[in-house]
Amino acid sequence: MKKYLLKQLVIIVILFVLSFMIHIYMKKTNSLLSVENIVSKQTIILIILSVILLIYNLLLYNFANINSNFMKHRIWRKMHILILVWLIISFLIFVILFSTTSFIQNHLWTIYIIIYYFLFFINLLVLSIVNNLISKNIVIKKKLTLTWIISTLIIILILFFVPNF
């Protein structure tokens, strides 16, 4: 159990360090979005988000290693619906709370928490869909790898095919 907690703690510290590095980079350049070349900007964002998703999947993988019943409960058959509803409610709360205040502008670090929060639940949404679509006999490592690939592909689609992103 101590080894598990140490692994999880190290992974969470890596998330904080990543946020700190992004924050320093954004302060130094005035913004990640100040990169002139749009493909370079999209590539930087893609790499950052892919690393974050990979870290989330490592957290889930470590949890699955100590909990053999992970994703075997019958609620996982409906989890994609529950997570989607949760994401919609969270997004609405986010819009209502932060659209009228300048809290995020004054406290830039909160944007990292919000991004991490939404990415985590989007990753769980993809994982629950993958879990429902593929065989129950497939090991969790393969499900998490497939989840990471699909989530990264979704980010690629959004970044490279949505104009002016």
N, C-alpha and C. Protein backbone atom coordinates (compact mmCIF):
# COMPACT_ATOMS: atom_id res chain seq x y z
N MET A 1 0.82 -1.20 0.00
CA MET A 1 0.00 0.00 0.00
C MET A 1 0.86 1.26 0.00
N LYS A 2 1.99 1.21 0.72
CA LYS A 2 2.87 2.38 0.76
C LYS A 2 3.46 2.66 -0.63
N LYS A 3 3.79 1.59 -1.35
CA LYS A 3 4.35 1.76 -2.69
C LYS A 3 3.31 2.39 -3.62
N TYR A 4 2.07 1.97 -3.49
CA TYR A 4 0.98 2.53 -4.29
C TYR A 4 0.81 4.02 -4.00
N LEU A 5 0.77 4.37 -2.73
CA LEU A 5 0.61 5.78 -2.36
C LEU A 5 1.78 6.62 -2.84
N LEU A 6 2.97 6.07 -2.76
CA LEU A 6 4.15 6.80 -3.23
C LEU A 6 4.07 7.03 -4.74
N LYS A 7 3.67 6.01 -5.49
CA LYS A 7 3.52 6.15 -6.94
C LYS A 7 2.49 7.23 -7.28
N GLN A 8 1.35 7.17 -6.62
CA GLN A 8 0.30 8.14 -6.89
C GLN A 8 0.74 9.55 -6.51
N LEU A 9 1.41 9.67 -5.41
CA LEU A 9 1.91 10.98 -4.98
C LEU A 9 2.92 11.54 -5.97
N VAL A 10 3.82 10.72 -6.45
CA VAL A 10 4.80 11.16 -7.44
C VAL A 10 4.10 11.62 -8.71
N ILE A 11 3.10 10.91 -9.15
CA ILE A 11 2.36 11.27 -10.36
C ILE A 11 1.64 12.60 -10.17
N ILE A 12 1.04 12.81 -9.01
CA ILE A 12 0.36 14.07 -8.74
C ILE A 12 1.36 15.22 -8.67
N VAL A 13 2.53 14.97 -8.08
CA VAL A 13 3.57 16.00 -8.04
C VAL A 13 4.01 16.35 -9.47
N ILE A 14 4.10 15.36 -10.34
CA ILE A 14 4.44 15.63 -11.74
C ILE A 14 3.40 16.53 -12.38
N LEU A 15 2.13 16.33 -12.06
CA LEU A 15 1.09 17.23 -12.57
C LEU A 15 1.30 18.66 -12.11
N PHE A 16 1.64 18.82 -10.84
CA PHE A 16 1.89 20.17 -10.32
C PHE A 16 3.12 20.79 -10.97
N VAL A 17 4.16 20.01 -11.14
CA VAL A 17 5.38 20.52 -11.79
C VAL A 17 5.07 20.92 -13.23
N LEU A 18 4.29 20.12 -13.92
CA LEU A 18 3.90 20.45 -15.29
C LEU A 18 3.12 21.77 -15.32
N SER A 19 2.21 21.93 -14.40
CA SER A 19 1.47 23.19 -14.32
C SER A 19 2.39 24.37 -14.05
N PHE A 20 3.31 24.17 -13.14
CA PHE A 20 4.26 25.22 -12.81
C PHE A 20 5.10 25.59 -14.03
N MET A 21 5.57 24.59 -14.78
CA MET A 21 6.37 24.85 -15.98
C MET A 21 5.56 25.60 -17.03
N ILE A 22 4.33 25.21 -17.22
CA ILE A 22 3.46 25.89 -18.18
C ILE A 22 3.23 27.33 -17.74
N HIS A 23 3.00 27.51 -16.45
CA HIS A 23 2.78 28.84 -15.90
C HIS A 23 4.01 29.74 -16.12
N ILE A 24 5.19 29.21 -15.84
CA ILE A 24 6.43 29.97 -16.05
C ILE A 24 6.58 30.30 -17.53
N TYR A 25 6.32 29.35 -18.40
CA TYR A 25 6.43 29.58 -19.84
C TYR A 25 5.45 30.68 -20.29
N MET A 26 4.24 30.61 -19.77
CA MET A 26 3.23 31.60 -20.16
C MET A 26 3.60 33.00 -19.64
N LYS A 27 4.18 33.09 -18.46
CA LYS A 27 4.60 34.39 -17.94
C LYS A 27 5.78 34.93 -18.75
N LYS A 28 6.67 34.04 -19.13
CA LYS A 28 7.86 34.45 -19.87
C LYS A 28 7.50 34.95 -21.27
N THR A 29 6.57 34.27 -21.92
CA THR A 29 6.21 34.62 -23.29
C THR A 29 4.92 35.44 -23.36
N ASN A 30 4.37 35.77 -22.24
CA ASN A 30 3.09 36.48 -22.11
C ASN A 30 1.89 35.61 -22.44
N SER A 31 2.11 34.48 -23.03
CA SER A 31 1.01 33.55 -23.27
C SER A 31 1.50 32.40 -24.11
N LEU A 32 0.92 31.25 -23.88
CA LEU A 32 1.15 30.11 -24.76
C LEU A 32 0.55 30.41 -26.12
N LEU A 33 -0.46 31.23 -26.12
CA LEU A 33 -1.16 31.55 -27.35
C LEU A 33 -0.45 32.62 -28.16
N SER A 34 0.67 33.12 -27.66
CA SER A 34 1.41 34.14 -28.40
C SER A 34 2.33 33.54 -29.46
N VAL A 35 2.40 32.22 -29.52
CA VAL A 35 3.20 31.57 -30.54
C VAL A 35 2.61 31.94 -31.89
N GLU A 36 3.47 32.46 -32.77
CA GLU A 36 2.99 32.99 -34.05
C GLU A 36 2.49 31.91 -34.99
N ASN A 37 3.24 30.85 -35.11
CA ASN A 37 2.87 29.78 -36.01
C ASN A 37 1.75 28.95 -35.39
N ILE A 38 0.63 28.88 -36.06
CA ILE A 38 -0.53 28.19 -35.49
C ILE A 38 -0.29 26.70 -35.33
N VAL A 39 0.47 26.10 -36.24
CA VAL A 39 0.76 24.67 -36.12
C VAL A 39 1.66 24.41 -34.92
N SER A 40 2.61 25.29 -34.66
CA SER A 40 3.46 25.15 -33.48
C SER A 40 2.65 25.27 -32.21
N LYS A 41 1.75 26.22 -32.18
CA LYS A 41 0.90 26.42 -31.01
C LYS A 41 0.04 25.17 -30.78
N GLN A 42 -0.56 24.66 -31.83
CA GLN A 42 -1.41 23.47 -31.70
C GLN A 42 -0.59 22.26 -31.27
N THR A 43 0.62 22.15 -31.77
CA THR A 43 1.48 21.02 -31.41
C THR A 43 1.88 21.09 -29.94
N ILE A 44 2.21 22.28 -29.46
CA ILE A 44 2.56 22.45 -28.05
C ILE A 44 1.37 22.08 -27.16
N ILE A 45 0.21 22.56 -27.50
CA ILE A 45 -1.00 22.25 -26.73
C ILE A 45 -1.29 20.76 -26.77
N LEU A 46 -1.15 20.14 -27.94
CA LEU A 46 -1.38 18.71 -28.08
C LEU A 46 -0.44 17.90 -27.20
N ILE A 47 0.82 18.26 -27.19
CA ILE A 47 1.80 17.53 -26.38
C ILE A 47 1.48 17.68 -24.90
N ILE A 48 1.17 18.88 -24.47
CA ILE A 48 0.84 19.11 -23.06
C ILE A 48 -0.39 18.30 -22.64
N LEU A 49 -1.44 18.37 -23.44
CA LEU A 49 -2.67 17.66 -23.10
C LEU A 49 -2.47 16.14 -23.17
N SER A 50 -1.69 15.67 -24.10
CA SER A 50 -1.41 14.23 -24.19
C SER A 50 -0.64 13.73 -22.97
N VAL A 51 0.30 14.53 -22.52
CA VAL A 51 1.06 14.16 -21.32
C VAL A 51 0.13 14.12 -20.10
N ILE A 52 -0.74 15.10 -19.99
CA ILE A 52 -1.69 15.12 -18.87
C ILE A 52 -2.59 13.89 -18.92
N LEU A 53 -3.10 13.54 -20.09
CA LEU A 53 -3.95 12.34 -20.22
C LEU A 53 -3.17 11.08 -19.89
N LEU A 54 -1.92 11.02 -20.30
CA LEU A 54 -1.08 9.87 -19.97
C LEU A 54 -0.91 9.75 -18.46
N ILE A 55 -0.70 10.88 -17.81
CA ILE A 55 -0.55 10.88 -16.35
C ILE A 55 -1.84 10.40 -15.68
N TYR A 56 -2.99 10.85 -16.17
CA TYR A 56 -4.25 10.37 -15.62
C TYR A 56 -4.40 8.87 -15.78
N ASN A 57 -4.02 8.36 -16.93
CA ASN A 57 -4.12 6.92 -17.15
C ASN A 57 -3.15 6.15 -16.27
N LEU A 58 -2.02 6.74 -15.96
CA LEU A 58 -1.11 6.11 -15.00
C LEU A 58 -1.73 6.04 -13.61
N LEU A 59 -2.41 7.11 -13.22
CA LEU A 59 -3.11 7.10 -11.92
C LEU A 59 -4.15 5.98 -11.89
N LEU A 60 -4.91 5.87 -12.96
CA LEU A 60 -5.94 4.82 -13.03
C LEU A 60 -5.32 3.42 -13.09
N TYR A 61 -4.22 3.30 -13.80
CA TYR A 61 -3.54 2.01 -13.91
C TYR A 61 -3.02 1.56 -12.54
N ASN A 62 -2.41 2.49 -11.81
CA ASN A 62 -1.93 2.15 -10.47
C ASN A 62 -3.08 1.75 -9.56
N PHE A 63 -4.20 2.45 -9.69
CA PHE A 63 -5.38 2.10 -8.89
C PHE A 63 -5.89 0.72 -9.27
N ALA A 64 -5.92 0.42 -10.56
CA ALA A 64 -6.41 -0.88 -11.03
C ALA A 64 -5.50 -2.02 -10.57
N ASN A 65 -4.23 -1.74 -10.40
CA ASN A 65 -3.30 -2.78 -9.95
C ASN A 65 -3.58 -3.22 -8.51
N ILE A 66 -4.07 -2.33 -7.68
CA ILE A 66 -4.36 -2.72 -6.29
C ILE A 66 -5.82 -3.10 -6.09
N ASN A 67 -6.68 -2.73 -7.03
CA ASN A 67 -8.11 -3.02 -6.91
C ASN A 67 -8.53 -3.88 -8.10
N SER A 68 -8.62 -5.16 -7.88
CA SER A 68 -8.92 -6.09 -8.98
C SER A 68 -10.36 -5.95 -9.49
N ASN A 69 -11.22 -5.30 -8.75
CA ASN A 69 -12.62 -5.13 -9.17
C ASN A 69 -12.88 -3.82 -9.91
N PHE A 70 -11.81 -3.10 -10.24
CA PHE A 70 -11.96 -1.82 -10.93
C PHE A 70 -12.64 -2.03 -12.27
N MET A 71 -13.70 -1.31 -12.51
CA MET A 71 -14.51 -1.32 -13.73
C MET A 71 -15.28 -2.63 -13.94
N LYS A 72 -15.52 -3.37 -12.89
CA LYS A 72 -16.28 -4.61 -13.01
C LYS A 72 -17.68 -4.49 -12.40
N HIS A 73 -17.93 -3.41 -11.72
CA HIS A 73 -19.25 -3.19 -11.14
C HIS A 73 -20.25 -2.91 -12.26
N ARG A 74 -21.50 -3.27 -12.05
CA ARG A 74 -22.51 -3.10 -13.11
C ARG A 74 -22.79 -1.62 -13.43
N ILE A 75 -22.44 -0.70 -12.52
CA ILE A 75 -22.65 0.71 -12.79
C ILE A 75 -21.79 1.20 -13.96
N TRP A 76 -20.69 0.49 -14.24
CA TRP A 76 -19.82 0.90 -15.35
C TRP A 76 -20.52 0.74 -16.70
N ARG A 77 -21.59 -0.05 -16.76
CA ARG A 77 -22.36 -0.15 -18.01
C ARG A 77 -23.08 1.15 -18.32
N LYS A 78 -23.39 1.94 -17.31
CA LYS A 78 -24.07 3.24 -17.47
C LYS A 78 -23.18 4.42 -17.13
N MET A 79 -21.92 4.16 -16.84
CA MET A 79 -21.02 5.22 -16.38
C MET A 79 -20.85 6.32 -17.43
N HIS A 80 -20.84 5.98 -18.70
CA HIS A 80 -20.66 7.01 -19.72
C HIS A 80 -21.80 8.03 -19.67
N ILE A 81 -22.99 7.60 -19.36
CA ILE A 81 -24.13 8.52 -19.24
C ILE A 81 -23.97 9.39 -17.99
N LEU A 82 -23.61 8.77 -16.89
CA LEU A 82 -23.43 9.51 -15.64
C LEU A 82 -22.32 10.56 -15.76
N ILE A 83 -21.21 10.17 -16.37
CA ILE A 83 -20.09 11.11 -16.52
C ILE A 83 -20.45 12.23 -17.47
N LEU A 84 -21.15 11.92 -18.54
CA LEU A 84 -21.57 12.96 -19.48
C LEU A 84 -22.49 13.97 -18.81
N VAL A 85 -23.44 13.49 -18.02
CA VAL A 85 -24.32 14.39 -17.28
C VAL A 85 -23.51 15.22 -16.30
N TRP A 86 -22.56 14.59 -15.61
CA TRP A 86 -21.70 15.30 -14.67
C TRP A 86 -20.89 16.38 -15.38
N LEU A 87 -20.36 16.08 -16.55
CA LEU A 87 -19.59 17.07 -17.31
C LEU A 87 -20.46 18.25 -17.74
N ILE A 88 -21.67 17.97 -18.16
CA ILE A 88 -22.57 19.05 -18.58
C ILE A 88 -22.91 19.94 -17.39
N ILE A 89 -23.24 19.33 -16.27
CA ILE A 89 -23.55 20.11 -15.06
C ILE A 89 -22.32 20.91 -14.63
N SER A 90 -21.15 20.30 -14.65
CA SER A 90 -19.92 21.00 -14.27
C SER A 90 -19.65 22.17 -15.19
N PHE A 91 -19.84 21.97 -16.47
CA PHE A 91 -19.61 23.05 -17.43
C PHE A 91 -20.57 24.20 -17.20
N LEU A 92 -21.82 23.89 -16.95
CA LEU A 92 -22.80 24.95 -16.67
C LEU A 92 -22.44 25.72 -15.41
N ILE A 93 -22.04 25.00 -14.38
CA ILE A 93 -21.62 25.67 -13.14
C ILE A 93 -20.39 26.53 -13.39
N PHE A 94 -19.45 26.01 -14.15
CA PHE A 94 -18.26 26.77 -14.49
C PHE A 94 -18.62 28.05 -15.23
N VAL A 95 -19.48 27.96 -16.21
CA VAL A 95 -19.88 29.14 -16.98
C VAL A 95 -20.60 30.15 -16.10
N ILE A 96 -21.50 29.68 -15.28
CA ILE A 96 -22.26 30.58 -14.41
C ILE A 96 -21.34 31.26 -13.39
N LEU A 97 -20.46 30.50 -12.76
CA LEU A 97 -19.60 31.07 -11.72
C LEU A 97 -18.53 32.01 -12.26
N PHE A 98 -17.94 31.66 -13.38
CA PHE A 98 -16.77 32.40 -13.83
C PHE A 98 -17.01 33.35 -14.99
N SER A 99 -18.20 33.36 -15.53
CA SER A 99 -18.45 34.28 -16.64
C SER A 99 -18.67 35.71 -16.14
N THR A 100 -19.12 35.85 -14.93
CA THR A 100 -19.42 37.18 -14.41
C THR A 100 -18.31 37.75 -13.53
N THR A 101 -17.33 36.93 -13.19
CA THR A 101 -16.27 37.41 -12.32
C THR A 101 -14.94 37.42 -13.06
N SER A 102 -14.01 38.14 -12.53
CA SER A 102 -12.66 38.16 -13.10
C SER A 102 -11.70 37.33 -12.25
N PHE A 103 -12.24 36.38 -11.54
CA PHE A 103 -11.44 35.56 -10.64
C PHE A 103 -10.33 34.83 -11.40
N ILE A 104 -10.67 34.25 -12.53
CA ILE A 104 -9.68 33.50 -13.30
C ILE A 104 -8.59 34.43 -13.83
N GLN A 105 -8.96 35.61 -14.25
CA GLN A 105 -7.96 36.55 -14.74
C GLN A 105 -7.00 36.96 -13.65
N ASN A 106 -7.49 37.08 -12.45
CA ASN A 106 -6.65 37.47 -11.33
C ASN A 106 -5.85 36.31 -10.75
N HIS A 107 -6.36 35.10 -10.92
CA HIS A 107 -5.72 33.90 -10.37
C HIS A 107 -5.57 32.88 -11.49
N LEU A 108 -4.53 33.04 -12.27
CA LEU A 108 -4.33 32.20 -13.44
C LEU A 108 -4.19 30.72 -13.10
N TRP A 109 -3.69 30.40 -11.93
CA TRP A 109 -3.50 29.01 -11.54
C TRP A 109 -4.80 28.24 -11.48
N THR A 110 -5.92 28.94 -11.30
CA THR A 110 -7.21 28.23 -11.25
C THR A 110 -7.57 27.62 -12.60
N ILE A 111 -7.06 28.20 -13.67
CA ILE A 111 -7.36 27.64 -14.99
C ILE A 111 -6.75 26.24 -15.12
N TYR A 112 -5.60 26.02 -14.49
CA TYR A 112 -4.98 24.69 -14.54
C TYR A 112 -5.86 23.66 -13.82
N ILE A 113 -6.39 24.05 -12.70
CA ILE A 113 -7.27 23.15 -11.96
C ILE A 113 -8.51 22.82 -12.79
N ILE A 114 -9.05 23.82 -13.43
CA ILE A 114 -10.25 23.62 -14.26
C ILE A 114 -9.93 22.72 -15.46
N ILE A 115 -8.80 22.97 -16.10
CA ILE A 115 -8.40 22.13 -17.24
C ILE A 115 -8.18 20.70 -16.79
N TYR A 116 -7.46 20.51 -15.68
CA TYR A 116 -7.22 19.16 -15.16
C TYR A 116 -8.53 18.46 -14.81
N TYR A 117 -9.43 19.19 -14.20
CA TYR A 117 -10.73 18.63 -13.82
C TYR A 117 -11.48 18.12 -15.04
N PHE A 118 -11.63 18.98 -16.06
CA PHE A 118 -12.39 18.58 -17.24
C PHE A 118 -11.67 17.49 -18.03
N LEU A 119 -10.37 17.56 -18.13
CA LEU A 119 -9.64 16.51 -18.83
C LEU A 119 -9.78 15.16 -18.13
N PHE A 120 -9.75 15.18 -16.81
CA PHE A 120 -9.90 13.93 -16.07
C PHE A 120 -11.25 13.28 -16.36
N PHE A 121 -12.30 14.07 -16.31
CA PHE A 121 -13.62 13.49 -16.53
C PHE A 121 -13.87 13.14 -17.99
N ILE A 122 -13.27 13.87 -18.91
CA ILE A 122 -13.37 13.49 -20.32
C ILE A 122 -12.63 12.17 -20.54
N ASN A 123 -11.48 12.03 -19.90
CA ASN A 123 -10.73 10.78 -19.99
C ASN A 123 -11.54 9.62 -19.40
N LEU A 124 -12.19 9.85 -18.27
CA LEU A 124 -13.05 8.81 -17.69
C LEU A 124 -14.22 8.48 -18.60
N LEU A 125 -14.77 9.48 -19.26
CA LEU A 125 -15.86 9.25 -20.21
C LEU A 125 -15.39 8.34 -21.34
N VAL A 126 -14.24 8.64 -21.90
CA VAL A 126 -13.70 7.80 -22.97
C VAL A 126 -13.41 6.39 -22.44
N LEU A 127 -12.85 6.29 -21.25
CA LEU A 127 -12.57 4.99 -20.65
C LEU A 127 -13.86 4.18 -20.45
N SER A 128 -14.91 4.82 -20.00
CA SER A 128 -16.17 4.09 -19.79
C SER A 128 -16.76 3.62 -21.11
N ILE A 129 -16.60 4.41 -22.17
CA ILE A 129 -17.08 3.99 -23.49
C ILE A 129 -16.23 2.83 -24.01
N VAL A 130 -14.92 2.94 -23.86
CA VAL A 130 -14.03 1.85 -24.27
C VAL A 130 -14.37 0.59 -23.50
N ASN A 131 -14.59 0.72 -22.21
CA ASN A 131 -14.92 -0.43 -21.37
C ASN A 131 -16.20 -1.11 -21.84
N ASN A 132 -17.17 -0.33 -22.30
CA ASN A 132 -18.43 -0.91 -22.77
C ASN A 132 -18.31 -1.54 -24.15
N LEU A 133 -17.43 -0.99 -24.98
CA LEU A 133 -17.36 -1.45 -26.36
C LEU A 133 -16.46 -2.66 -26.57
N ILE A 134 -15.44 -2.81 -25.76
CA ILE A 134 -14.54 -3.94 -25.99
C ILE A 134 -14.80 -5.03 -24.96
N SER A 135 -14.22 -6.17 -25.21
CA SER A 135 -14.45 -7.36 -24.38
C SER A 135 -14.08 -7.11 -22.93
N LYS A 136 -14.82 -7.72 -22.06
CA LYS A 136 -14.55 -7.60 -20.62
C LYS A 136 -13.29 -8.36 -20.23
N ASN A 137 -12.81 -9.25 -21.10
CA ASN A 137 -11.62 -10.05 -20.80
C ASN A 137 -10.32 -9.31 -21.09
N ILE A 138 -10.40 -8.18 -21.76
CA ILE A 138 -9.20 -7.41 -22.07
C ILE A 138 -8.66 -6.80 -20.78
N VAL A 139 -7.37 -6.83 -20.60
CA VAL A 139 -6.76 -6.30 -19.37
C VAL A 139 -6.87 -4.78 -19.34
N ILE A 140 -6.82 -4.25 -18.14
CA ILE A 140 -7.01 -2.82 -17.93
C ILE A 140 -5.93 -2.00 -18.62
N LYS A 141 -4.71 -2.53 -18.70
CA LYS A 141 -3.62 -1.79 -19.34
C LYS A 141 -3.95 -1.50 -20.80
N LYS A 142 -4.51 -2.46 -21.49
CA LYS A 142 -4.88 -2.26 -22.89
C LYS A 142 -6.05 -1.29 -23.01
N LYS A 143 -6.98 -1.35 -22.10
CA LYS A 143 -8.11 -0.41 -22.11
C LYS A 143 -7.63 1.02 -21.89
N LEU A 144 -6.70 1.19 -20.95
CA LEU A 144 -6.17 2.52 -20.67
C LEU A 144 -5.31 3.04 -21.82
N THR A 145 -4.56 2.16 -22.46
CA THR A 145 -3.77 2.57 -23.62
C THR A 145 -4.70 3.01 -24.75
N LEU A 146 -5.74 2.24 -24.99
CA LEU A 146 -6.71 2.60 -26.02
C LEU A 146 -7.42 3.90 -25.66
N THR A 147 -7.72 4.09 -24.40
CA THR A 147 -8.35 5.33 -23.94
C THR A 147 -7.43 6.53 -24.21
N TRP A 148 -6.14 6.38 -23.90
CA TRP A 148 -5.20 7.46 -24.13
C TRP A 148 -5.10 7.79 -25.62
N ILE A 149 -5.05 6.77 -26.47
CA ILE A 149 -4.97 6.99 -27.92
C ILE A 149 -6.21 7.70 -28.43
N ILE A 150 -7.38 7.24 -28.02
CA ILE A 150 -8.63 7.86 -28.47
C ILE A 150 -8.74 9.29 -27.97
N SER A 151 -8.41 9.52 -26.70
CA SER A 151 -8.48 10.88 -26.15
C SER A 151 -7.52 11.81 -26.88
N THR A 152 -6.33 11.33 -27.19
CA THR A 152 -5.37 12.15 -27.93
C THR A 152 -5.88 12.43 -29.33
N LEU A 153 -6.48 11.45 -29.97
CA LEU A 153 -7.04 11.67 -31.30
C LEU A 153 -8.18 12.69 -31.27
N ILE A 154 -8.97 12.66 -30.24
CA ILE A 154 -10.04 13.65 -30.09
C ILE A 154 -9.43 15.05 -29.97
N ILE A 155 -8.37 15.17 -29.18
CA ILE A 155 -7.70 16.47 -29.04
C ILE A 155 -7.13 16.92 -30.38
N ILE A 156 -6.53 15.99 -31.12
CA ILE A 156 -5.99 16.33 -32.44
C ILE A 156 -7.10 16.84 -33.35
N LEU A 157 -8.22 16.15 -33.35
CA LEU A 157 -9.35 16.58 -34.18
C LEU A 157 -9.81 17.98 -33.80
N ILE A 158 -9.91 18.23 -32.52
CA ILE A 158 -10.36 19.55 -32.06
C ILE A 158 -9.33 20.62 -32.43
N LEU A 159 -8.07 20.35 -32.15
CA LEU A 159 -7.03 21.35 -32.37
C LEU A 159 -6.80 21.67 -33.85
N PHE A 160 -6.77 20.64 -34.65
CA PHE A 160 -6.37 20.85 -36.03
C PHE A 160 -7.52 21.05 -37.00
N PHE A 161 -8.73 20.76 -36.57
CA PHE A 161 -9.85 20.89 -37.50
C PHE A 161 -10.89 21.92 -37.09
N VAL A 162 -10.73 22.47 -35.90
CA VAL A 162 -11.61 23.56 -35.50
C VAL A 162 -10.89 24.86 -35.86
N PRO A 163 -11.49 25.66 -36.71
CA PRO A 163 -10.79 26.88 -37.13
C PRO A 163 -10.60 27.86 -35.98
N ASN A 164 -9.48 28.55 -36.02
CA ASN A 164 -9.12 29.60 -35.05
C ASN A 164 -8.98 29.11 -33.64
N PHE A 165 -8.60 27.88 -33.45
CA PHE A 165 -8.39 27.39 -32.09
C PHE A 165 -6.99 27.68 -31.66
